[in-house]
Protein backbone atom coordinates (compact mmCIF):
# COMPACT_ATOMS: atom_id res chain seq x y z
CA MET A 1 -95.68 -19.48 3.27
CA MET A 2 -93.23 -19.30 5.96
CA ALA A 3 -94.49 -20.28 9.24
CA SER A 4 -95.23 -17.53 11.76
CA MET A 5 -92.27 -16.90 14.38
CA THR A 6 -92.30 -15.46 17.90
CA HIS A 7 -90.85 -12.28 18.24
CA ARG A 8 -87.63 -13.72 19.79
CA GLU A 9 -87.28 -16.10 17.07
CA ARG A 10 -87.73 -13.33 14.62
CA VAL A 11 -84.79 -11.34 16.27
CA LEU A 12 -82.40 -14.26 16.59
CA ALA A 13 -83.18 -15.43 12.98
CA ALA A 14 -82.15 -11.97 11.71
CA LEU A 15 -79.02 -11.92 13.94
CA ASP A 16 -78.14 -15.42 12.71
CA HIS A 17 -78.67 -14.11 9.04
CA ARG A 18 -81.56 -16.23 8.39
CA ASP A 19 -84.76 -14.89 6.59
CA PRO A 20 -87.47 -13.90 9.32
CA ASP A 21 -91.14 -14.25 8.57
CA ARG A 22 -91.05 -10.43 8.57
CA THR A 23 -88.32 -7.58 9.50
CA PRO A 24 -87.98 -7.65 13.07
CA ILE A 25 -88.84 -4.28 14.81
CA ASP A 26 -87.09 -2.46 17.86
CA PHE A 27 -88.53 0.38 19.58
CA GLY A 28 -87.28 1.16 23.16
CA GLY A 29 -85.09 -2.20 23.54
CA THR A 30 -82.10 -0.02 24.16
CA TYR A 31 -81.20 3.50 25.42
CA THR A 32 -80.66 4.65 21.65
CA THR A 33 -83.48 3.44 20.10
CA THR A 34 -86.21 4.74 22.25
CA ILE A 35 -88.07 8.24 22.35
CA PHE A 36 -87.40 11.59 23.66
CA TYR A 37 -90.16 12.09 26.47
CA ALA A 38 -92.04 15.06 24.81
CA ALA A 39 -92.41 13.08 21.49
CA TYR A 40 -93.63 9.93 23.65
CA GLU A 41 -96.26 12.33 25.30
CA ARG A 42 -97.93 13.05 21.68
CA LEU A 43 -97.54 9.31 20.69
CA LYS A 44 -99.48 8.21 23.58
CA GLN A 45 -102.14 11.07 22.77
CA TYR A 46 -102.44 10.17 19.17
CA LEU A 47 -102.82 6.27 20.04
CA ASP A 48 -105.43 7.28 22.91
CA LEU A 49 -103.51 5.31 25.57
CA GLU A 50 -103.18 6.86 29.03
CA HIS A 51 -100.36 5.47 31.49
CA GLU A 52 -97.58 7.23 33.41
CA THR A 53 -94.30 7.66 31.08
CA ALA A 54 -91.50 5.80 32.74
CA ILE A 55 -88.30 7.98 32.06
CA LEU A 56 -85.02 6.15 31.52
CA SER A 57 -82.58 8.31 33.64
CA LYS A 58 -82.02 12.02 35.14
CA THR A 59 -79.56 12.72 32.30
CA ARG A 60 -81.16 10.68 29.64
CA ARG A 61 -84.83 12.31 29.32
CA LEU A 62 -86.05 9.29 27.28
CA ALA A 63 -89.13 7.38 27.82
CA ILE A 64 -89.38 3.69 28.20
CA PRO A 65 -92.15 2.76 25.89
CA ASP A 66 -95.17 1.12 27.84
CA GLU A 67 -96.15 -2.62 27.14
CA SER A 68 -99.49 -1.18 25.72
CA VAL A 69 -97.23 0.89 22.88
CA LEU A 70 -95.26 -2.18 22.29
CA ARG A 71 -97.92 -4.41 21.66
CA ARG A 72 -99.85 -1.92 19.40
CA PHE A 73 -96.74 -1.88 17.21
CA ASP A 74 -95.78 -5.55 17.62
CA VAL A 75 -92.26 -4.83 18.81
CA ASP A 76 -90.04 -7.83 19.07
CA THR A 77 -87.52 -6.45 21.50
CA ARG A 78 -88.02 -5.58 25.46
CA PHE A 79 -85.58 -3.23 27.20
CA LEU A 80 -84.03 -4.83 30.45
CA GLY A 81 -81.53 -1.80 32.35
CA LEU A 82 -79.59 -1.74 35.29
CA GLY A 83 -80.63 -0.19 38.56
CA VAL A 84 -79.51 3.19 39.87
CA TYR A 85 -75.95 3.48 41.95
CA GLU A 86 -76.55 3.60 45.65
CA GLY A 87 -74.72 6.97 46.94
CA ASP A 88 -72.01 9.30 45.43
CA GLN A 89 -74.66 11.23 43.07
CA ARG A 90 -76.78 13.88 43.90
CA GLU A 91 -78.88 16.70 42.75
CA ILE A 92 -77.02 20.13 42.98
CA ASP A 93 -80.12 22.08 41.75
CA GLU A 94 -82.98 21.51 39.77
CA ASP A 95 -81.35 21.55 36.43
CA THR A 96 -77.74 20.07 37.77
CA TYR A 97 -76.74 16.86 38.58
CA LEU A 98 -73.56 14.76 39.92
CA ASP A 99 -73.42 11.49 38.80
CA GLU A 100 -71.25 8.69 40.53
CA TRP A 101 -68.14 9.53 38.40
CA GLY A 102 -67.82 12.91 39.27
CA THR A 103 -69.19 14.44 36.38
CA THR A 104 -71.60 17.18 36.44
CA TRP A 105 -74.57 17.40 33.95
CA ARG A 106 -76.65 20.50 33.33
CA LYS A 107 -80.11 20.77 31.59
CA ALA A 108 -79.91 22.41 28.42
CA GLN A 109 -82.76 24.72 27.03
CA ASP A 110 -84.33 21.82 24.82
CA GLY A 111 -84.51 19.65 27.99
CA HIS A 112 -81.43 17.35 27.42
CA TYR A 113 -78.57 17.19 29.73
CA LEU A 114 -75.14 17.95 28.84
CA TYR A 115 -71.98 17.32 30.58
CA VAL A 116 -70.24 20.25 31.79
CA ASP A 117 -67.51 19.26 34.10
CA GLY A 118 -65.45 16.18 35.26
CA PRO A 119 -62.60 14.90 37.37
CA PHE A 120 -59.94 15.73 34.80
CA PHE A 121 -61.33 18.81 32.89
CA ASP A 122 -59.03 21.21 31.72
CA ASP A 123 -55.82 19.74 33.05
CA LYS A 124 -53.38 20.47 30.68
CA ASN A 125 -50.90 17.56 31.68
CA PRO A 126 -52.98 14.79 33.03
CA ASP A 127 -51.05 12.56 35.29
CA PRO A 128 -51.84 8.71 34.61
CA SER A 129 -51.19 8.10 38.43
CA ALA A 130 -54.35 10.25 39.35
CA VAL A 131 -56.28 7.51 37.64
CA ALA A 132 -55.22 5.05 40.15
CA ASP A 133 -55.56 7.45 42.75
CA TYR A 134 -59.07 8.69 42.49
CA ARG A 135 -62.13 7.34 44.10
CA TRP A 136 -64.22 5.56 41.35
CA PRO A 137 -67.58 4.06 41.66
CA ASP A 138 -67.77 0.23 42.77
CA PRO A 139 -69.12 -2.01 40.10
CA ASP A 140 -70.35 -4.31 42.81
CA ASN A 141 -72.43 -1.49 44.13
CA PRO A 142 -75.89 -3.33 44.83
CA GLY A 143 -77.95 -0.65 43.34
CA TYR A 144 -77.02 -1.71 39.76
CA ILE A 145 -78.21 -5.30 40.01
CA ARG A 146 -81.22 -4.85 42.71
CA GLY A 147 -84.16 -6.68 41.34
CA LEU A 148 -82.43 -7.20 37.77
CA GLY A 149 -82.90 -10.83 37.85
CA ASP A 150 -86.34 -10.70 38.70
CA ARG A 151 -87.18 -8.22 36.13
CA ALA A 152 -85.31 -10.45 33.50
CA ARG A 153 -87.41 -13.49 34.78
CA ALA A 154 -90.61 -11.76 34.36
CA LEU A 155 -89.92 -10.51 30.75
CA ARG A 156 -89.19 -14.01 29.91
CA GLU A 157 -92.34 -15.66 31.54
CA ASN A 158 -94.74 -12.78 30.31
CA THR A 159 -93.36 -11.96 26.67
CA ASP A 160 -92.08 -14.14 23.81
CA CYS A 161 -89.77 -11.14 22.82
CA ALA A 162 -85.99 -10.70 22.63
CA ILE A 163 -84.79 -9.37 26.04
CA VAL A 164 -81.88 -6.71 25.69
CA LEU A 165 -79.49 -6.30 28.52
CA ASN A 166 -78.56 -2.53 28.26
CA LEU A 167 -75.12 -2.08 29.80
CA PRO A 168 -73.24 1.23 30.52
CA ILE A 169 -71.41 3.20 27.75
CA GLY A 170 -67.79 2.28 27.02
CA VAL A 171 -64.37 3.68 27.31
CA ILE A 172 -64.63 6.28 24.73
CA HIS A 173 -67.92 7.97 26.04
CA GLN A 174 -66.86 7.59 29.84
CA GLY A 175 -63.51 8.94 29.17
CA GLN A 176 -65.15 11.77 27.45
CA PHE A 177 -67.33 12.61 30.46
CA LEU A 178 -64.29 12.37 32.73
CA ARG A 179 -62.33 14.34 30.59
CA GLY A 180 -63.92 16.62 28.21
CA PHE A 181 -64.53 15.90 24.63
CA ALA A 182 -61.73 17.80 23.08
CA ASP A 183 -59.24 17.18 25.53
CA TRP A 184 -59.78 13.63 25.41
CA LEU A 185 -59.46 13.35 21.87
CA LYS A 186 -56.26 15.24 22.09
CA ASP A 187 -55.15 12.66 24.83
CA LEU A 188 -55.29 9.92 22.13
CA TYR A 189 -52.14 11.66 20.58
CA LYS A 190 -50.47 13.78 23.43
CA HIS A 191 -51.12 11.95 26.62
CA ARG A 192 -51.28 8.23 25.58
CA GLU A 193 -50.26 6.88 29.21
CA PHE A 194 -52.78 8.76 30.66
CA VAL A 195 -55.64 7.86 28.23
CA CYS A 196 -54.95 4.10 28.32
CA ALA A 197 -55.10 4.00 32.16
CA LEU A 198 -58.39 5.69 31.89
CA MET A 199 -59.57 3.52 29.34
CA ASP A 200 -58.38 0.37 31.37
CA MET A 201 -59.73 1.83 34.62
CA THR A 202 -63.47 1.99 32.61
CA ALA A 203 -63.06 -1.52 30.81
CA ASP A 204 -62.12 -3.06 34.30
CA ALA A 205 -65.11 -1.69 35.90
CA TRP A 206 -67.38 -2.45 33.14
CA ILE A 207 -66.37 -6.08 32.95
CA ARG A 208 -67.02 -6.44 36.39
CA LEU A 209 -70.50 -4.97 36.05
CA ALA A 210 -71.32 -6.94 33.11
CA GLU A 211 -70.53 -10.06 34.84
CA ASN A 212 -72.60 -9.41 37.92
CA ALA A 213 -75.64 -8.41 35.55
CA LEU A 214 -75.11 -11.44 33.41
CA ASP A 215 -74.89 -13.77 36.72
CA ALA A 216 -77.89 -11.98 38.05
CA THR A 217 -80.12 -12.70 34.65
CA GLY A 218 -78.83 -16.41 33.77
CA ASP A 219 -80.26 -17.48 30.51
CA ASN A 220 -82.94 -14.71 30.27
CA VAL A 221 -80.83 -12.39 28.13
CA ASP A 222 -80.60 -12.69 24.44
CA VAL A 223 -78.61 -9.60 23.58
CA VAL A 224 -76.24 -7.29 25.35
CA PHE A 225 -76.29 -3.78 24.12
CA PHE A 226 -73.56 -0.95 24.74
CA GLY A 227 -72.47 2.23 23.13
CA ASP A 228 -69.25 4.03 22.31
CA ASP A 229 -69.38 6.25 19.27
CA LEU A 230 -66.74 6.04 16.95
CA GLY A 231 -67.93 8.52 14.20
CA SER A 232 -68.92 11.89 13.33
CA GLN A 233 -70.95 12.88 10.14
CA LEU A 234 -68.12 12.91 7.84
CA ALA A 235 -65.53 10.70 9.22
CA PRO A 236 -64.76 8.75 12.17
CA MET A 237 -63.45 10.56 15.19
CA PHE A 238 -60.01 9.45 14.92
CA ALA A 239 -57.55 7.84 12.60
CA PRO A 240 -58.66 4.35 12.09
CA GLN A 241 -55.20 3.07 13.45
CA ILE A 242 -55.55 4.92 16.46
CA TYR A 243 -58.76 2.86 17.16
CA ARG A 244 -56.86 -0.13 16.11
CA GLU A 245 -53.92 0.63 18.45
CA LEU A 246 -55.64 2.07 21.54
CA ILE A 247 -59.52 1.57 21.72
CA LYS A 248 -59.88 -2.04 19.82
CA PRO A 249 -58.05 -3.96 22.40
CA ARG A 250 -60.29 -2.65 25.42
CA HIS A 251 -63.47 -3.22 23.08
CA ARG A 252 -62.04 -6.80 22.41
CA ARG A 253 -61.41 -7.32 26.17
CA MET A 254 -65.07 -6.15 27.08
CA ILE A 255 -66.91 -8.23 24.43
CA ALA A 256 -65.02 -11.45 25.21
CA ALA A 257 -65.86 -11.34 28.97
CA VAL A 258 -69.39 -10.91 27.95
CA LYS A 259 -69.37 -13.86 25.46
CA SER A 260 -67.29 -16.11 27.93
CA ARG A 261 -70.15 -15.66 30.60
CA ARG A 262 -73.08 -16.27 28.42
CA ASP A 263 -74.42 -17.42 24.86
CA VAL A 264 -75.58 -13.84 23.73
CA LYS A 265 -75.15 -11.73 21.02
CA VAL A 266 -73.65 -8.28 21.37
CA LEU A 267 -75.37 -4.93 19.88
CA TYR A 268 -72.78 -2.03 19.59
CA HIS A 269 -73.86 1.27 19.16
CA SER A 270 -72.01 4.16 17.14
CA CYS A 271 -73.12 6.92 15.47
CA GLY A 272 -71.61 8.58 12.13
CA ALA A 273 -69.28 7.40 9.40
CA ILE A 274 -67.93 4.15 10.59
CA SER A 275 -67.64 2.02 7.28
CA THR A 276 -64.09 2.04 7.84
CA LEU A 277 -64.28 0.34 11.07
CA ILE A 278 -66.89 -2.26 10.79
CA ASP A 279 -64.45 -5.27 9.76
CA ASP A 280 -62.77 -4.17 13.28
CA LEU A 281 -66.16 -4.35 14.98
CA ILE A 282 -66.82 -7.80 13.27
CA ASP A 283 -63.09 -9.00 14.40
CA ILE A 284 -63.87 -8.32 18.04
CA GLY A 285 -67.15 -10.19 18.06
CA VAL A 286 -69.98 -7.42 17.63
CA ASP A 287 -72.96 -9.01 16.14
CA ALA A 288 -75.08 -5.92 15.10
CA VAL A 289 -74.41 -2.58 14.81
CA ASN A 290 -76.78 0.45 15.67
CA PRO A 291 -77.85 3.02 14.49
CA VAL A 292 -76.88 2.65 10.89
CA GLN A 293 -76.60 6.26 10.08
CA ILE A 294 -77.32 6.38 6.29
CA THR A 295 -76.89 10.15 5.76
CA ALA A 296 -73.34 10.00 7.14
CA LYS A 297 -70.41 9.74 4.67
CA ASP A 298 -70.13 6.04 3.17
CA MET A 299 -72.89 4.63 5.01
CA ALA A 300 -75.12 4.06 2.03
CA PRO A 301 -77.55 1.14 2.99
CA ASP A 302 -76.63 -0.73 -0.50
CA ASP A 303 -73.11 -0.62 -0.04
CA LEU A 304 -73.06 -1.75 3.56
CA LYS A 305 -75.24 -4.44 2.88
CA GLN A 306 -73.18 -5.79 0.02
CA GLU A 307 -69.68 -5.42 1.87
CA PHE A 308 -70.95 -6.68 5.32
CA GLY A 309 -74.25 -7.85 5.28
CA ASP A 310 -73.49 -11.53 5.63
CA ARG A 311 -71.23 -10.84 8.48
CA ILE A 312 -72.91 -8.21 10.63
CA THR A 313 -76.73 -7.24 11.55
CA PHE A 314 -77.95 -3.93 10.74
CA TRP A 315 -80.14 -2.41 13.56
CA GLY A 316 -81.78 0.98 12.91
CA GLY A 317 -81.52 2.58 9.43
CA ILE A 318 -84.71 4.77 9.08
CA ASN A 319 -83.64 8.20 8.52
CA SER A 320 -84.23 10.71 11.88
CA GLN A 321 -82.41 13.50 10.24
CA GLU A 322 -84.49 14.08 7.19
CA THR A 323 -87.40 11.68 6.41
CA LEU A 324 -88.91 11.26 10.01
CA PRO A 325 -88.92 14.94 11.11
CA PHE A 326 -89.64 16.46 7.73
CA GLY A 327 -91.22 13.91 5.46
CA THR A 328 -94.89 13.12 5.15
CA PRO A 329 -96.46 9.42 6.34
CA GLY A 330 -96.23 8.47 2.95
CA ASP A 331 -92.53 9.25 2.76
CA VAL A 332 -91.71 7.56 5.85
CA ARG A 333 -93.77 4.21 4.49
CA GLY A 334 -91.44 4.59 1.30
CA GLU A 335 -88.47 4.66 3.21
CA VAL A 336 -89.20 1.49 5.50
CA ARG A 337 -90.05 -0.49 2.17
CA ARG A 338 -86.64 0.60 0.44
CA MET A 339 -84.83 -0.29 3.69
CA ILE A 340 -86.29 -3.57 4.19
CA ASP A 341 -85.76 -4.31 0.50
CA CYS A 342 -82.09 -3.46 0.97
CA MET A 343 -81.37 -4.58 3.99
CA GLY A 344 -83.37 -7.26 4.93
CA ALA A 345 -82.62 -9.89 2.35
CA GLY A 346 -81.16 -12.98 4.00
CA GLY A 347 -81.85 -11.62 7.50
CA GLY A 348 -79.24 -9.40 9.08
CA PHE A 349 -81.51 -6.22 9.63
CA VAL A 350 -83.63 -5.31 12.69
CA LEU A 351 -85.74 -1.90 12.00
CA ASN A 352 -85.69 1.11 14.00
CA SER A 353 -85.17 4.76 13.64
CA VAL A 354 -81.74 5.97 13.34
CA HIS A 355 -80.91 7.07 17.09
CA ASN A 356 -83.75 7.81 19.39
CA ILE A 357 -86.97 9.54 18.26
CA GLN A 358 -86.53 13.28 18.79
CA ASN A 359 -89.10 15.92 19.61
CA ASP A 360 -89.21 17.14 15.92
CA VAL A 361 -90.99 13.91 14.81
CA SER A 362 -94.95 13.86 14.72
CA ALA A 363 -96.75 10.91 16.08
CA GLU A 364 -98.08 10.34 12.60
CA ASN A 365 -94.73 9.58 11.21
CA ILE A 366 -93.79 7.37 14.12
CA VAL A 367 -96.95 5.03 13.44
CA ALA A 368 -96.18 5.16 9.82
CA MET A 369 -92.85 3.78 10.58
CA PHE A 370 -93.72 0.63 12.78
CA ASP A 371 -97.10 0.07 10.98
CA GLU A 372 -95.30 -0.11 7.57
CA ALA A 373 -92.44 -2.36 8.87
CA ARG A 374 -95.01 -4.72 10.77
CA SER A 375 -96.96 -5.18 7.59
CA TYR A 376 -94.61 -5.01 4.67
CA ARG A 377 -93.55 -8.41 2.92
CA PRO A 378 -91.16 -8.06 0.01
CA GLY A 379 -92.25 -10.05 -3.14
CA ARG A 380 -95.56 -11.01 -1.44
């Protein structure tokens, strides 16, 4: 019988492609593996747990699960987030928020915030020199790092879990927030000098902030996480060659900066159909990819595991488009077993829902997912 592992050992074994004693579980370790606040309130009630709900941020109406919930599900990860930028952001009104980058966010009817305006929205002929002239947020702002080292040390001393340092979004999302989704995509083809200037500015700021965060946390971080979506439901958002020419060099530089600073694993988030880009992610040093959107085109878990399973860890995988919102607890338990059988062999799998648990998922199905993951042992 395999010896029992600590939570941290279990996650690191999976990331090193070694068999853990059971499949590791993540819940709330990152800002894309947690839960919408209203669903969390129902979960607390179902579990008969009382505590104040910690919310990730103004624009992300997501809960940071309480330690009592994490212990109930025997979760192997712990969230470590940056602090809040000091200055240059404000509430415009009750439902509208201006962030430090100059992007305006407005609350939609379902409670999520959407970006509705930014420094380069609707500019038909964007000027690369405007990127250098704009007043961007300071990556050395003390608000980002305030208390970060103390929180990291407390997690290391008070848990045996894998600590996940959450860093900001990357050059794709930040560019879309500054420029607008459609115009940013068109810039990749029509205004390359501008979009490259925007990505370089973002990457430089990201790297500086990452270095500050890693210096503050020392050896108390196991995984560094950031997200930058590459795919839609049916295909990558842009031609793979566009990624390789324009975006990949910036991602490579960001990941190299992290790994030169600390001996950590890099967890990269991208939704959608990204199978044609996984080799590129491996090439630039990504150790694990999330959320493994198995309902997207060419993202069948069997195929992913066979082609890439010995070179990258899959982090997520439980169907949040169909099974979690619409299935029974029995359906959920069956999917958990199938995913562990497929993805978990030889390590290389950390279980979580595909992206954040949304408001249409019942507490019963959430409990079924995590309880089955904790108890299931293939072949035993």
